[in-house]
Amino acid sequence: MNRIAACLAVALIAAGCASKEKQPDAAVTDRSAGTTQPSTATGQGSSSTTPRTTQPVTGNPLTDPNNVLSKRSVYFDYDSNAVKDEYRNMIQAHARYLGDNRNTNIRIEGNCDERGSREYNLALGQRRAEAVKRVMTVMGVGDNRIETVSYGEEKPKNPGHDEAAWAQNRRADIRYPGE
């Protein structure tokens, strides 16, 4: 447990440093766009450039396929509810998004492959959803903002009956309102 907390602390520090580096770059881009406009000295030129700089800002990061927030599934090994390191950055991005959007709540849906009894799979799906929730709460999201539910084997992503299909079905999905 202490090892997980230490890993999360390191990830948070690294992410904090990374986000600080990216913010000045965005400001530089905005300044250069602003520098170009005054040299034209026309009111029409500055209003046409303003929408270009605001369009990326107004887009929904949750639906942008180039944004990590569009990724919503955390996959698990067989018979496991341990969150793999490869999903930590994605979960952290969702936690930051929730931190910036305090009125947004989410639901984490736990899923399993078809192997195992119905009861076992419901319990395992719940443990998977709770594991993702635990990572987010460690990152500062209030646990009252995250609902967890298990669908067990009832909502497969892949209806196949082989390891490739089962691997896609062992997951927890992050859902935002309206999805």
Protein backbone atom coordinates (compact mmCIF):
# COMPACT_ATOMS: atom_id res chain seq x y z
CA MET A 1 0.00 0.00 0.00
CA ASN A 2 2.85 2.39 0.85
CA ARG A 3 4.52 1.50 -2.44
CA ILE A 4 1.38 2.51 -4.36
CA ALA A 5 1.15 5.79 -2.46
CA ALA A 6 4.81 6.52 -3.19
CA CYS A 7 4.34 5.77 -6.90
CA LEU A 8 1.30 8.04 -7.03
CA ALA A 9 3.17 10.83 -5.29
CA VAL A 10 6.03 10.59 -7.81
CA ALA A 11 3.52 10.55 -10.69
CA LEU A 12 1.76 13.64 -9.33
CA ILE A 13 5.03 15.52 -8.96
CA ALA A 14 6.12 14.55 -12.47
CA ALA A 15 2.77 15.56 -13.93
CA GLY A 16 2.87 18.86 -12.08
CA CYS A 17 6.27 19.61 -13.58
CA ALA A 18 5.13 18.58 -17.03
CA SER A 19 2.03 20.77 -16.90
CA LYS A 20 4.10 23.77 -15.77
CA GLU A 21 6.37 23.36 -18.77
CA LYS A 22 3.48 23.19 -21.25
CA GLN A 23 1.67 26.28 -19.96
CA PRO A 24 4.39 28.78 -20.96
CA ASP A 25 4.49 27.28 -24.48
CA ALA A 26 0.77 27.94 -24.88
CA ALA A 27 1.26 31.49 -23.67
CA VAL A 28 4.07 32.02 -26.16
CA THR A 29 1.83 30.77 -28.97
CA ASP A 30 -0.92 33.16 -27.93
CA ARG A 31 1.53 36.07 -27.76
CA SER A 32 2.90 35.40 -31.21
CA ALA A 33 -0.64 35.34 -32.62
CA GLY A 34 -1.31 38.63 -30.82
CA THR A 35 1.92 40.13 -32.18
CA THR A 36 0.90 39.34 -35.74
CA GLN A 37 -2.46 41.06 -35.38
CA PRO A 38 -1.33 44.52 -34.25
CA SER A 39 1.03 44.75 -37.23
CA THR A 40 -2.01 44.45 -39.55
CA ALA A 41 -3.61 47.35 -37.63
CA THR A 42 -7.10 46.46 -38.82
CA GLY A 43 -10.00 45.64 -36.55
CA GLN A 44 -11.13 42.93 -38.94
CA GLY A 45 -7.77 41.15 -38.84
CA SER A 46 -7.74 40.92 -35.07
CA SER A 47 -11.28 39.57 -34.88
CA SER A 48 -10.51 36.88 -37.45
CA THR A 49 -7.45 35.71 -35.54
CA THR A 50 -9.22 35.62 -32.18
CA PRO A 51 -11.50 32.70 -33.13
CA ARG A 52 -8.44 30.70 -34.25
CA THR A 53 -6.89 30.92 -30.80
CA THR A 54 -10.15 30.22 -28.98
CA GLN A 55 -11.32 27.25 -31.06
CA PRO A 56 -8.95 24.69 -29.48
CA VAL A 57 -9.79 26.04 -26.03
CA THR A 58 -13.56 25.69 -26.53
CA GLY A 59 -13.38 22.14 -27.91
CA ASN A 60 -14.44 19.32 -25.63
CA PRO A 61 -11.31 17.45 -24.49
CA LEU A 62 -13.47 14.46 -23.56
CA THR A 63 -14.37 13.87 -27.21
CA ASP A 64 -11.09 14.91 -28.86
CA PRO A 65 -9.45 11.65 -30.05
CA ASN A 66 -6.02 13.27 -29.70
CA ASN A 67 -6.60 14.03 -26.02
CA VAL A 68 -5.87 11.46 -23.31
CA LEU A 69 -9.29 12.25 -21.80
CA SER A 70 -10.97 10.52 -24.73
CA LYS A 71 -9.48 7.27 -23.44
CA ARG A 72 -11.85 5.84 -20.85
CA SER A 73 -11.07 2.15 -20.34
CA VAL A 74 -8.63 0.67 -17.84
CA TYR A 75 -7.82 -2.97 -18.68
CA PHE A 76 -6.95 -5.64 -16.14
CA ASP A 77 -5.15 -8.97 -16.10
CA TYR A 78 -7.13 -12.17 -15.67
CA ASP A 79 -8.69 -12.50 -12.20
CA SER A 80 -7.09 -9.20 -11.07
CA ASN A 81 -8.21 -5.80 -9.92
CA ALA A 82 -4.71 -4.27 -9.79
CA VAL A 83 -4.45 -1.07 -11.85
CA LYS A 84 -1.53 -1.38 -14.26
CA ASP A 85 1.09 1.37 -14.39
CA GLU A 86 0.33 1.99 -18.08
CA TYR A 87 -3.08 3.45 -17.11
CA ARG A 88 -1.86 5.76 -14.32
CA ASN A 89 -1.34 8.79 -16.62
CA MET A 90 -4.80 8.40 -18.13
CA ILE A 91 -6.44 8.14 -14.71
CA GLN A 92 -4.40 11.10 -13.51
CA ALA A 93 -5.60 13.17 -16.49
CA HIS A 94 -9.21 12.38 -15.60
CA ALA A 95 -8.54 13.28 -11.97
CA ARG A 96 -7.08 16.64 -13.07
CA TYR A 97 -10.10 17.23 -15.31
CA LEU A 98 -12.43 16.54 -12.38
CA GLY A 99 -10.34 18.88 -10.23
CA ASP A 100 -10.83 21.65 -12.80
CA ASN A 101 -14.54 20.85 -13.23
CA ARG A 102 -15.83 20.63 -9.67
CA ASN A 103 -19.48 20.22 -10.71
CA THR A 104 -18.78 17.11 -12.78
CA ASN A 105 -19.28 13.64 -11.33
CA ILE A 106 -18.40 10.33 -12.95
CA ARG A 107 -19.40 6.68 -12.87
CA ILE A 108 -16.83 3.90 -13.12
CA GLU A 109 -18.25 0.70 -14.54
CA GLY A 110 -16.44 -2.55 -13.72
CA ASN A 111 -16.58 -5.39 -16.24
CA CYS A 112 -15.32 -8.97 -16.55
CA ASP A 113 -14.95 -11.63 -19.18
CA GLU A 114 -17.42 -14.51 -19.33
CA ARG A 115 -15.35 -16.94 -17.28
CA GLY A 116 -16.37 -17.40 -13.66
CA SER A 117 -19.76 -17.47 -12.01
CA ARG A 118 -22.15 -14.55 -12.32
CA GLU A 119 -21.72 -13.70 -8.63
CA TYR A 120 -17.93 -13.87 -8.79
CA ASN A 121 -17.81 -11.67 -11.89
CA LEU A 122 -20.09 -9.06 -10.32
CA ALA A 123 -17.82 -8.91 -7.27
CA LEU A 124 -14.66 -8.73 -9.40
CA GLY A 125 -16.15 -6.00 -11.59
CA GLN A 126 -16.94 -4.00 -8.45
CA ARG A 127 -13.38 -4.43 -7.16
CA ARG A 128 -12.05 -3.18 -10.52
CA ALA A 129 -14.26 -0.09 -10.44
CA GLU A 130 -13.29 0.57 -6.82
CA ALA A 131 -9.58 0.21 -7.67
CA VAL A 132 -9.80 2.97 -10.30
CA LYS A 133 -11.82 5.10 -7.87
CA ARG A 134 -9.13 4.63 -5.19
CA VAL A 135 -6.44 5.93 -7.56
CA MET A 136 -8.55 9.01 -8.34
CA THR A 137 -9.30 9.74 -4.69
CA VAL A 138 -5.59 9.53 -3.85
CA MET A 139 -5.13 12.18 -6.55
CA GLY A 140 -7.60 14.47 -4.81
CA VAL A 141 -11.02 13.70 -6.31
CA GLY A 142 -13.71 13.50 -3.63
CA ASP A 143 -15.05 9.97 -3.35
CA ASN A 144 -18.59 11.37 -3.25
CA ARG A 145 -18.11 12.49 -6.87
CA ILE A 146 -17.39 8.97 -8.13
CA GLU A 147 -20.08 6.33 -8.38
CA THR A 148 -19.01 2.74 -8.97
CA VAL A 149 -21.06 -0.05 -10.47
CA SER A 150 -20.31 -3.56 -11.67
CA TYR A 151 -21.81 -5.16 -14.75
CA GLY A 152 -19.83 -8.36 -14.33
CA GLU A 153 -19.90 -10.15 -17.68
CA GLU A 154 -23.17 -8.53 -18.84
CA LYS A 155 -21.69 -5.76 -21.05
CA PRO A 156 -18.84 -7.25 -23.07
CA LYS A 157 -16.89 -4.93 -25.38
CA ASN A 158 -16.05 -7.94 -27.57
CA PRO A 159 -18.57 -10.81 -27.86
CA GLY A 160 -15.89 -13.36 -28.82
CA HIS A 161 -14.92 -16.41 -26.78
CA ASP A 162 -11.13 -16.33 -26.92
CA GLU A 163 -8.28 -14.61 -25.05
CA ALA A 164 -8.29 -11.56 -27.34
CA ALA A 165 -11.99 -10.96 -26.63
CA TRP A 166 -11.65 -11.69 -22.92
CA ALA A 167 -8.78 -9.19 -22.63
CA GLN A 168 -11.05 -6.43 -24.00
CA ASN A 169 -13.81 -7.35 -21.57
CA ARG A 170 -11.65 -7.23 -18.39
CA ARG A 171 -11.94 -3.49 -17.82
CA ALA A 172 -13.30 -0.52 -15.90
CA ASP A 173 -14.88 2.25 -17.98
CA ILE A 174 -14.96 5.90 -16.90
CA ARG A 175 -18.30 7.50 -17.81
CA TYR A 176 -19.22 11.18 -17.71
CA PRO A 177 -22.80 12.51 -17.48
CA GLY A 178 -24.72 12.11 -20.72
CA GLU A 179 -22.76 9.13 -21.95
